[in-house]
PDB file of N, CA and C in Angstrom:
ATOM      1  N   MET A   1      26.435 168.309  81.129  1.00  0.00           N
ATOM      2  CA  MET A   1      25.819 167.002  81.141  1.00  0.00           C
ATOM      3  C   MET A   1      24.866 167.040  79.903  1.00  0.00           C
ATOM      4  N   ALA A   2      24.953 166.107  79.069  1.00  0.00           N
ATOM      5  CA  ALA A   2      24.314 165.834  77.865  1.00  0.00           C
ATOM      6  C   ALA A   2      22.777 165.485  78.138  1.00  0.00           C
ATOM      7  N   GLY A   3      21.761 165.984  77.328  1.00  0.00           N
ATOM      8  CA  GLY A   3      20.432 165.647  77.688  1.00  0.00           C
ATOM      9  C   GLY A   3      19.598 165.678  76.448  1.00  0.00           C
ATOM     10  N   THR A   4      18.327 165.598  76.501  1.00  0.00           N
ATOM     11  CA  THR A   4      17.507 165.678  75.370  1.00  0.00           C
ATOM     12  C   THR A   4      16.654 166.970  75.580  1.00  0.00           C
ATOM     13  N   THR A   5      16.782 167.944  74.472  1.00  0.00           N
ATOM     14  CA  THR A   5      15.792 169.061  74.475  1.00  0.00           C
ATOM     15  C   THR A   5      14.550 168.697  73.722  1.00  0.00           C
ATOM     16  N   ILE A   6      13.422 169.087  74.554  1.00  0.00           N
ATOM     17  CA  ILE A   6      12.072 168.701  73.881  1.00  0.00           C
ATOM     18  C   ILE A   6      11.400 170.095  73.747  1.00  0.00           C
ATOM     19  N   PHE A   7      10.925 170.233  72.490  1.00  0.00           N
ATOM     20  CA  PHE A   7      10.020 171.347  72.260  1.00  0.00           C
ATOM     21  C   PHE A   7       8.641 170.814  72.009  1.00  0.00           C
ATOM     22  N   SER A   8       7.606 170.812  73.045  1.00  0.00           N
ATOM     23  CA  SER A   8       6.538 170.392  72.717  1.00  0.00           C
ATOM     24  C   SER A   8       5.740 170.724  74.036  1.00  0.00           C
ATOM     25  N   MET A   9       4.452 170.855  73.993  1.00  0.00           N
ATOM     26  CA  MET A   9       3.634 171.419  75.082  1.00  0.00           C
ATOM     27  C   MET A   9       3.541 170.438  76.136  1.00  0.00           C
ATOM     28  N   LEU A  10       3.833 170.710  77.286  1.00  0.00           N
ATOM     29  CA  LEU A  10       3.658 169.898  78.636  1.00  0.00           C
ATOM     30  C   LEU A  10       2.209 169.817  78.891  1.00  0.00           C
ATOM     31  N   GLU A  11       1.757 168.641  79.065  1.00  0.00           N
ATOM     32  CA  GLU A  11       0.266 168.536  79.389  1.00  0.00           C
ATOM     33  C   GLU A  11       0.118 167.558  80.626  1.00  0.00           C
ATOM     34  N   SER A  12      -1.014 167.777  81.332  1.00  0.00           N
ATOM     35  CA  SER A  12      -1.356 166.823  82.427  1.00  0.00           C
ATOM     36  C   SER A  12      -2.876 166.403  82.185  1.00  0.00           C
ATOM     37  N   GLY A  13      -3.043 165.055  81.639  1.00  0.00           N
ATOM     38  CA  GLY A  13      -4.284 164.566  81.413  1.00  0.00           C
ATOM     39  C   GLY A  13      -5.181 164.329  82.548  1.00  0.00           C
ATOM     40  N   ASP A  14      -4.533 164.073  83.685  1.00  0.00           N
ATOM     41  CA  ASP A  14      -5.286 163.615  84.884  1.00  0.00           C
ATOM     42  C   ASP A  14      -4.577 164.541  86.066  1.00  0.00           C
ATOM     43  N   PRO A  15      -5.372 165.072  86.850  1.00  0.00           N
ATOM     44  CA  PRO A  15      -4.881 165.795  88.215  1.00  0.00           C
ATOM     45  C   PRO A  15      -4.152 164.936  89.057  1.00  0.00           C
ATOM     46  N   ASN A  16      -4.199 163.653  89.025  1.00  0.00           N
ATOM     47  CA  ASN A  16      -3.380 162.798  89.756  1.00  0.00           C
ATOM     48  C   ASN A  16      -2.091 162.395  89.152  1.00  0.00           C
ATOM     49  N   ASP A  17      -1.853 162.901  88.137  1.00  0.00           N
ATOM     50  CA  ASP A  17      -0.350 162.639  87.488  1.00  0.00           C
ATOM     51  C   ASP A  17       0.651 163.197  88.187  1.00  0.00           C
ATOM     52  N   LYS A  18       1.709 162.387  88.601  1.00  0.00           N
ATOM     53  CA  LYS A  18       2.808 162.971  89.343  1.00  0.00           C
ATOM     54  C   LYS A  18       3.668 163.975  88.545  1.00  0.00           C
ATOM     55  N   PHE A  19       3.776 163.689  87.267  1.00  0.00           N
ATOM     56  CA  PHE A  19       4.648 164.420  86.497  1.00  0.00           C
ATOM     57  C   PHE A  19       4.001 164.887  85.246  1.00  0.00           C
ATOM     58  N   PRO A  20       4.204 166.201  84.652  1.00  0.00           N
ATOM     59  CA  PRO A  20       3.713 166.675  83.248  1.00  0.00           C
ATOM     60  C   PRO A  20       4.351 165.663  82.358  1.00  0.00           C
ATOM     61  N   HIS A  21       3.713 165.547  81.128  1.00  0.00           N
ATOM     62  CA  HIS A  21       4.067 164.777  80.038  1.00  0.00           C
ATOM     63  C   HIS A  21       3.895 165.437  78.779  1.00  0.00           C
ATOM     64  N   VAL A  22       4.536 164.841  77.756  1.00  0.00           N
ATOM     65  CA  VAL A  22       4.386 165.421  76.451  1.00  0.00           C
ATOM     66  C   VAL A  22       3.697 164.279  75.590  1.00  0.00           C
ATOM     67  N   ASP A  23       2.985 164.558  74.525  1.00  0.00           N
ATOM     68  CA  ASP A  23       2.512 163.567  73.556  1.00  0.00           C
ATOM     69  C   ASP A  23       3.556 163.182  72.672  1.00  0.00           C
ATOM     70  N   GLY A  24       4.004 161.965  72.597  1.00  0.00           N
ATOM     71  CA  GLY A  24       5.026 161.364  71.918  1.00  0.00           C
ATOM     72  C   GLY A  24       4.864 161.638  70.474  1.00  0.00           C
ATOM     73  N   LYS A  25       3.616 161.663  70.085  1.00  0.00           N
ATOM     74  CA  LYS A  25       3.346 161.671  68.571  1.00  0.00           C
ATOM     75  C   LYS A  25       3.610 163.006  68.069  1.00  0.00           C
ATOM     76  N   LYS A  26       3.848 163.992  68.984  1.00  0.00           N
ATOM     77  CA  LYS A  26       4.024 165.311  68.403  1.00  0.00           C
ATOM     78  C   LYS A  26       5.566 165.720  68.649  1.00  0.00           C
ATOM     79  N   ILE A  27       6.492 164.874  69.066  1.00  0.00           N
ATOM     80  CA  ILE A  27       7.890 165.145  69.207  1.00  0.00           C
ATOM     81  C   ILE A  27       8.694 164.906  67.976  1.00  0.00           C
ATOM     82  N   LEU A  28       9.339 165.993  67.409  1.00  0.00           N
ATOM     83  CA  LEU A  28      10.223 165.927  66.253  1.00  0.00           C
ATOM     84  C   LEU A  28      11.103 164.794  66.484  1.00  0.00           C
ATOM     85  N   GLY A  29      11.133 163.776  65.541  1.00  0.00           N
ATOM     86  CA  GLY A  29      12.320 162.804  65.638  1.00  0.00           C
ATOM     87  C   GLY A  29      12.159 161.849  66.878  1.00  0.00           C
ATOM     88  N   GLY A  30      11.095 162.079  67.567  1.00  0.00           N
ATOM     89  CA  GLY A  30      10.853 161.169  68.852  1.00  0.00           C
ATOM     90  C   GLY A  30      10.652 159.706  68.494  1.00  0.00           C
ATOM     91  N   PRO A  31      10.979 158.901  69.470  1.00  0.00           N
ATOM     92  CA  PRO A  31      10.563 157.461  69.246  1.00  0.00           C
ATOM     93  C   PRO A  31       8.915 157.308  69.075  1.00  0.00           C
ATOM     94  N   GLN A  32       8.484 156.439  68.250  1.00  0.00           N
ATOM     95  CA  GLN A  32       7.069 156.277  68.010  1.00  0.00           C
ATOM     96  C   GLN A  32       6.725 154.821  68.247  1.00  0.00           C
ATOM     97  N   ILE A  33       5.426 154.479  68.662  1.00  0.00           N
ATOM     98  CA  ILE A  33       4.825 153.279  68.876  1.00  0.00           C
ATOM     99  C   ILE A  33       3.453 153.142  68.115  1.00  0.00           C
ATOM    100  N   ARG A  34       3.462 152.168  67.126  1.00  0.00           N
ATOM    101  CA  ARG A  34       2.117 152.282  66.404  1.00  0.00           C
ATOM    102  C   ARG A  34       1.639 150.822  66.410  1.00  0.00           C
ATOM    103  N   ASP A  35       0.530 150.648  66.147  1.00  0.00           N
ATOM    104  CA  ASP A  35      -0.107 149.263  66.209  1.00  0.00           C
ATOM    105  C   ASP A  35       0.237 148.505  65.002  1.00  0.00           C
ATOM    106  N   ASN A  36       0.333 149.064  63.784  1.00  0.00           N
ATOM    107  CA  ASN A  36       0.663 148.271  62.520  1.00  0.00           C
ATOM    108  C   ASN A  36       1.349 149.171  61.638  1.00  0.00           C
ATOM    109  N   LEU A  37       1.730 148.626  60.447  1.00  0.00           N
ATOM    110  CA  LEU A  37       2.404 149.434  59.329  1.00  0.00           C
ATOM    111  C   LEU A  37       1.759 150.557  58.765  1.00  0.00           C
ATOM    112  N   ILE A  38       0.526 150.511  58.563  1.00  0.00           N
ATOM    113  CA  ILE A  38      -0.347 151.391  58.050  1.00  0.00           C
ATOM    114  C   ILE A  38      -0.178 152.672  58.964  1.00  0.00           C
ATOM    115  N   GLU A  39      -0.168 152.599  60.295  1.00  0.00           N
ATOM    116  CA  GLU A  39      -0.115 153.633  61.312  1.00  0.00           C
ATOM    117  C   GLU A  39       1.447 154.184  61.376  1.00  0.00           C
ATOM    118  N   ARG A  40       2.217 153.341  61.011  1.00  0.00           N
ATOM    119  CA  ARG A  40       3.662 153.824  61.114  1.00  0.00           C
ATOM    120  C   ARG A  40       3.952 154.575  59.784  1.00  0.00           C
ATOM    121  N   ASP A  41       3.260 154.244  58.749  1.00  0.00           N
ATOM    122  CA  ASP A  41       3.632 154.969  57.351  1.00  0.00           C
ATOM    123  C   ASP A  41       2.613 156.142  57.537  1.00  0.00           C
ATOM    124  N   ALA A  42       1.694 156.377  58.332  1.00  0.00           N
ATOM    125  CA  ALA A  42       0.907 157.542  58.489  1.00  0.00           C
ATOM    126  C   ALA A  42       1.645 158.609  59.439  1.00  0.00           C
ATOM    127  N   ILE A  43       2.678 158.369  59.956  1.00  0.00           N
ATOM    128  CA  ILE A  43       3.527 159.375  60.938  1.00  0.00           C
ATOM    129  C   ILE A  43       3.608 160.621  60.123  1.00  0.00           C
ATOM    130  N   ASP A  44       3.178 161.756  60.634  1.00  0.00           N
ATOM    131  CA  ASP A  44       3.400 162.950  59.882  1.00  0.00           C
ATOM    132  C   ASP A  44       4.655 163.338  59.406  1.00  0.00           C
ATOM    133  N   MET A  45       4.900 163.817  58.267  1.00  0.00           N
ATOM    134  CA  MET A  45       6.177 164.137  57.807  1.00  0.00           C
ATOM    135  C   MET A  45       6.963 165.140  58.605  1.00  0.00           C
ATOM    136  N   GLU A  46       6.164 166.038  59.145  1.00  0.00           N
ATOM    137  CA  GLU A  46       6.568 167.317  59.888  1.00  0.00           C
ATOM    138  C   GLU A  46       7.415 166.755  61.149  1.00  0.00           C
ATOM    139  N   ILE A  47       7.170 165.597  61.732  1.00  0.00           N
ATOM    140  CA  ILE A  47       7.747 165.099  62.889  1.00  0.00           C
ATOM    141  C   ILE A  47       8.807 164.107  62.705  1.00  0.00           C
ATOM    142  N   ARG A  48       8.977 163.765  61.267  1.00  0.00           N
ATOM    143  CA  ARG A  48       9.798 162.723  61.048  1.00  0.00           C
ATOM    144  C   ARG A  48      11.239 163.275  60.924  1.00  0.00           C
ATOM    145  N   GLN A  49      12.265 162.308  61.189  1.00  0.00           N
ATOM    146  CA  GLN A  49      13.710 162.803  61.177  1.00  0.00           C
ATOM    147  C   GLN A  49      14.471 161.548  61.016  1.00  0.00           C
ATOM    148  N   GLU A  50      15.503 161.588  60.137  1.00  0.00           N
ATOM    149  CA  GLU A  50      16.384 160.374  59.868  1.00  0.00           C
ATOM    150  C   GLU A  50      16.871 159.998  61.150  1.00  0.00           C
ATOM    151  N   GLY A  51      16.828 158.760  61.451  1.00  0.00           N
ATOM    152  CA  GLY A  51      17.351 158.142  62.558  1.00  0.00           C
ATOM    153  C   GLY A  51      16.194 157.838  63.587  1.00  0.00           C
ATOM    154  N   GLN A  52      15.205 158.303  63.159  1.00  0.00           N
ATOM    155  CA  GLN A  52      13.869 158.086  64.225  1.00  0.00           C
ATOM    156  C   GLN A  52      13.459 156.663  64.089  1.00  0.00           C
ATOM    157  N   GLU A  53      13.007 156.051  65.333  1.00  0.00           N
ATOM    158  CA  GLU A  53      12.582 154.643  65.381  1.00  0.00           C
ATOM    159  C   GLU A  53      11.177 154.600  65.685  1.00  0.00           C
ATOM    160  N   CYS A  54      10.483 153.472  65.135  1.00  0.00           N
ATOM    161  CA  CYS A  54       9.208 153.304  65.421  1.00  0.00           C
ATOM    162  C   CYS A  54       9.035 151.838  65.602  1.00  0.00           C
ATOM    163  N   TYR A  55       8.295 151.626  66.941  1.00  0.00           N
ATOM    164  CA  TYR A  55       8.085 150.015  67.205  1.00  0.00           C
ATOM    165  C   TYR A  55       6.608 149.836  66.693  1.00  0.00           C
ATOM    166  N   VAL A  56       6.502 148.647  66.026  1.00  0.00           N
ATOM    167  CA  VAL A  56       5.129 148.246  65.444  1.00  0.00           C
ATOM    168  C   VAL A  56       4.778 147.042  66.247  1.00  0.00           C
ATOM    169  N   LYS A  57       3.605 147.309  66.971  1.00  0.00           N
ATOM    170  CA  LYS A  57       3.171 146.312  67.916  1.00  0.00           C
ATOM    171  C   LYS A  57       2.759 144.877  67.372  1.00  0.00           C
ATOM    172  N   ALA A  58       2.038 145.124  66.177  1.00  0.00           N
ATOM    173  CA  ALA A  58       1.441 143.957  65.406  1.00  0.00           C
ATOM    174  C   ALA A  58       2.617 142.891  65.120  1.00  0.00           C
ATOM    175  N   LEU A  59       3.599 143.518  64.641  1.00  0.00           N
ATOM    176  CA  LEU A  59       4.870 142.696  64.108  1.00  0.00           C
ATOM    177  C   LEU A  59       5.885 142.448  65.290  1.00  0.00           C
ATOM    178  N   LYS A  60       5.766 143.092  66.379  1.00  0.00           N
ATOM    179  CA  LYS A  60       6.805 143.111  67.461  1.00  0.00           C
ATOM    180  C   LYS A  60       8.259 143.363  66.815  1.00  0.00           C
ATOM    181  N   LYS A  61       8.251 144.357  65.911  1.00  0.00           N
ATOM    182  CA  LYS A  61       9.358 144.913  65.338  1.00  0.00           C
ATOM    183  C   LYS A  61       9.762 146.372  65.482  1.00  0.00           C
ATOM    184  N   THR A  62      10.900 146.802  65.428  1.00  0.00           N
ATOM    185  CA  THR A  62      11.299 148.135  65.489  1.00  0.00           C
ATOM    186  C   THR A  62      11.863 148.523  64.076  1.00  0.00           C
ATOM    187  N   TYR A  63      11.523 149.650  63.551  1.00  0.00           N
ATOM    188  CA  TYR A  63      12.051 150.114  62.211  1.00  0.00           C
ATOM    189  C   TYR A  63      12.686 151.538  62.492  1.00  0.00           C
ATOM    190  N   LYS A  64      13.537 151.898  61.651  1.00  0.00           N
ATOM    191  CA  LYS A  64      14.453 153.070  61.766  1.00  0.00           C
ATOM    192  C   LYS A  64      14.403 153.766  60.419  1.00  0.00           C
ATOM    193  N   LEU A  65      14.358 155.014  60.385  1.00  0.00           N
ATOM    194  CA  LEU A  65      14.396 155.892  59.147  1.00  0.00           C
ATOM    195  C   LEU A  65      15.904 156.056  58.849  1.00  0.00           C
ATOM    196  N   GLU A  66      16.271 155.593  57.700  1.00  0.00           N
ATOM    197  CA  GLU A  66      17.792 155.571  57.267  1.00  0.00           C
ATOM    198  C   GLU A  66      17.619 156.242  55.847  1.00  0.00           C
ATOM    199  N   GLY A  67      18.476 157.124  55.498  1.00  0.00           N
ATOM    200  CA  GLY A  67      18.564 157.673  54.182  1.00  0.00           C
ATOM    201  C   GLY A  67      17.485 158.554  53.707  1.00  0.00           C
ATOM    202  N   GLY A  68      16.690 159.003  54.595  1.00  0.00           N
ATOM    203  CA  GLY A  68      15.556 159.961  54.262  1.00  0.00           C
ATOM    204  C   GLY A  68      14.461 159.803  55.069  1.00  0.00           C
ATOM    205  N   ILE A  69      13.263 160.303  54.880  1.00  0.00           N
ATOM    206  CA  ILE A  69      12.107 160.363  55.785  1.00  0.00           C
ATOM    207  C   ILE A  69      10.788 159.812  55.106  1.00  0.00           C
ATOM    208  N   GLN A  70      11.113 159.369  53.953  1.00  0.00           N
ATOM    209  CA  GLN A  70       9.832 158.797  53.241  1.00  0.00           C
ATOM    210  C   GLN A  70       9.593 157.314  53.830  1.00  0.00           C
ATOM    211  N   ASN A  71       8.324 156.749  53.310  1.00  0.00           N
ATOM    212  CA  ASN A  71       8.041 155.459  53.956  1.00  0.00           C
ATOM    213  C   ASN A  71       9.131 154.416  53.340  1.00  0.00           C
ATOM    214  N   ILE A  72       9.736 154.509  52.175  1.00  0.00           N
ATOM    215  CA  ILE A  72      10.573 153.627  51.832  1.00  0.00           C
ATOM    216  C   ILE A  72      11.775 153.512  52.605  1.00  0.00           C
ATOM    217  N   ASN A  73      12.094 154.595  53.450  1.00  0.00           N
ATOM    218  CA  ASN A  73      13.209 154.634  54.171  1.00  0.00           C
ATOM    219  C   ASN A  73      13.143 153.991  55.558  1.00  0.00           C
ATOM    220  N   TRP A  74      11.946 153.346  55.871  1.00  0.00           N
ATOM    221  CA  TRP A  74      11.833 152.593  57.003  1.00  0.00           C
ATOM    222  C   TRP A  74      12.600 151.292  56.921  1.00  0.00           C
ATOM    223  N   ILE A  75      13.573 150.980  57.578  1.00  0.00           N
ATOM    224  CA  ILE A  75      14.400 149.884  57.615  1.00  0.00           C
ATOM    225  C   ILE A  75      14.235 149.184  58.918  1.00  0.00           C
ATOM    226  N   GLU A  76      13.937 147.705  58.783  1.00  0.00           N
ATOM    227  CA  GLU A  76      13.846 147.079  60.075  1.00  0.00           C
ATOM    228  C   GLU A  76      15.225 147.002  60.944  1.00  0.00           C
ATOM    229  N   LYS A  77      15.069 147.378  62.162  1.00  0.00           N
ATOM    230  CA  LYS A  77      16.056 147.349  63.069  1.00  0.00           C
ATOM    231  C   LYS A  77      16.365 145.968  63.521  1.00  0.00           C
ATOM    232  N   VAL A  78      17.471 145.320  63.133  1.00  0.00           N
ATOM    233  CA  VAL A  78      17.832 143.850  63.476  1.00  0.00           C
ATOM    234  C   VAL A  78      18.686 143.915  64.866  1.00  0.00           C
ATOM    235  N   THR A  79      18.252 143.215  65.785  1.00  0.00           N
ATOM    236  CA  THR A  79      19.027 142.984  66.959  1.00  0.00           C
ATOM    237  C   THR A  79      19.389 141.512  67.136  1.00  0.00           C
ATOM    238  N   SER A  80      20.458 141.201  67.605  1.00  0.00           N
ATOM    239  CA  SER A  80      20.890 139.784  67.772  1.00  0.00           C
ATOM    240  C   SER A  80      20.482 139.273  69.195  1.00  0.00           C
ATOM    241  N   ASN A  81      20.102 138.016  69.504  1.00  0.00           N
ATOM    242  CA  ASN A  81      19.684 137.408  70.706  1.00  0.00           C
ATOM    243  C   ASN A  81      20.944 136.540  71.161  1.00  0.00           C
ATOM    244  N   VAL A  82      21.950 137.132  71.505  1.00  0.00           N
ATOM    245  CA  VAL A  82      23.173 136.389  71.817  1.00  0.00           C
ATOM    246  C   VAL A  82      23.085 135.987  73.344  1.00  0.00           C
ATOM    247  N   THR A  83      23.268 134.741  73.632  1.00  0.00           N
ATOM    248  CA  THR A  83      23.337 134.325  74.970  1.00  0.00           C
ATOM    249  C   THR A  83      24.802 133.924  75.353  1.00  0.00           C
ATOM    250  N   PHE A  84      25.289 134.638  76.324  1.00  0.00           N
ATOM    251  CA  PHE A  84      26.575 134.293  76.966  1.00  0.00           C
ATOM    252  C   PHE A  84      26.542 133.111  78.153  1.00  0.00           C
ATOM    253  N   ASN A  85      27.268 132.127  77.896  1.00  0.00           N
ATOM    254  CA  ASN A  85      27.313 131.150  79.073  1.00  0.00           C
ATOM    255  C   ASN A  85      28.786 131.371  79.600  1.00  0.00           C
ATOM    256  N   TYR A  86      28.702 131.599  80.990  1.00  0.00           N
ATOM    257  CA  TYR A  86      30.068 131.754  81.622  1.00  0.00           C
ATOM    258  C   TYR A  86      30.441 130.332  82.390  1.00  0.00           C
ATOM    259  N   VAL A  87      31.781 130.075  82.091  1.00  0.00           N
ATOM    260  CA  VAL A  87      32.175 128.869  82.989  1.00  0.00           C
ATOM    261  C   VAL A  87      33.171 129.331  83.884  1.00  0.00           C
ATOM    262  N   THR A  88      32.979 128.928  85.042  1.00  0.00           N
ATOM    263  CA  THR A  88      33.948 129.274  86.156  1.00  0.00           C
ATOM    264  C   THR A  88      34.752 128.026  86.471  1.00  0.00           C
ATOM    265  N   PRO A  89      35.941 128.309  86.522  1.00  0.00           N
ATOM    266  CA  PRO A  89      36.960 127.233  86.697  1.00  0.00           C
ATOM    267  C   PRO A  89      36.744 126.650  88.217  1.00  0.00           C
ATOM    268  N   GLU A  90      37.034 125.374  88.470  1.00  0.00           N
ATOM    269  CA  GLU A  90      37.092 124.849  89.852  1.00  0.00           C
ATOM    270  C   GLU A  90      38.337 125.357  90.622  1.00  0.00           C
ATOM    271  N   GLN A  91      38.487 125.171  91.789  1.00  0.00           N
ATOM    272  CA  GLN A  91      39.659 125.635  92.452  1.00  0.00           C
ATOM    273  C   GLN A  91      40.966 125.033  91.994  1.00  0.00           C
ATOM    274  N   ASP A  92      40.841 123.650  91.381  1.00  0.00           N
ATOM    275  CA  ASP A  92      41.990 123.055  90.938  1.00  0.00           C
ATOM    276  C   ASP A  92      42.276 123.403  89.455  1.00  0.00           C
ATOM    277  N   GLY A  93      41.545 124.221  88.952  1.00  0.00           N
ATOM    278  CA  GLY A  93      41.676 124.797  87.595  1.00  0.00           C
ATOM    279  C   GLY A  93      40.817 123.856  86.465  1.00  0.00           C
ATOM    280  N   THR A  94      40.221 122.944  86.940  1.00  0.00           N
ATOM    281  CA  THR A  94      39.496 122.159  85.826  1.00  0.00           C
ATOM    282  C   THR A  94      38.249 122.975  85.447  1.00  0.00           C
ATOM    283  N   LEU A  95      37.668 122.682  84.115  1.00  0.00           N
ATOM    284  CA  LEU A  95      36.469 123.260  83.755  1.00  0.00           C
ATOM    285  C   LEU A  95      35.500 122.216  83.696  1.00  0.00           C
ATOM    286  N   ASN A  96      34.216 122.355  84.164  1.00  0.00           N
ATOM    287  CA  ASN A  96      33.224 121.502  84.092  1.00  0.00           C
ATOM    288  C   ASN A  96      32.168 122.034  82.901  1.00  0.00           C
ATOM    289  N   ILE A  97      32.154 121.609  81.745  1.00  0.00           N
ATOM    290  CA  ILE A  97      31.404 122.157  80.524  1.00  0.00           C
ATOM    291  C   ILE A  97      30.357 121.158  80.414  1.00  0.00           C
TER     292      ILE A  97
END
């Protein structure tokens, strides 16, 4: 079974937490969430990895490191908003579009 190997210290910030957790800001190549582009560009080089993604809340956009790990390598990840409308034929075979 494939999985994700994480090398980071398990923490529990609250005794009422059900599960231990890791600080995502300390995981090599792990997905990041930042408030703005300045914070995204300040992600420590030691945890950057090509293919890493970062969601920027102020812009509501996701960026991906492609072709390197420098700030110039952050490329906006474009997703399409495709809507599929399904048409179900009537019993006599006609389509009501």
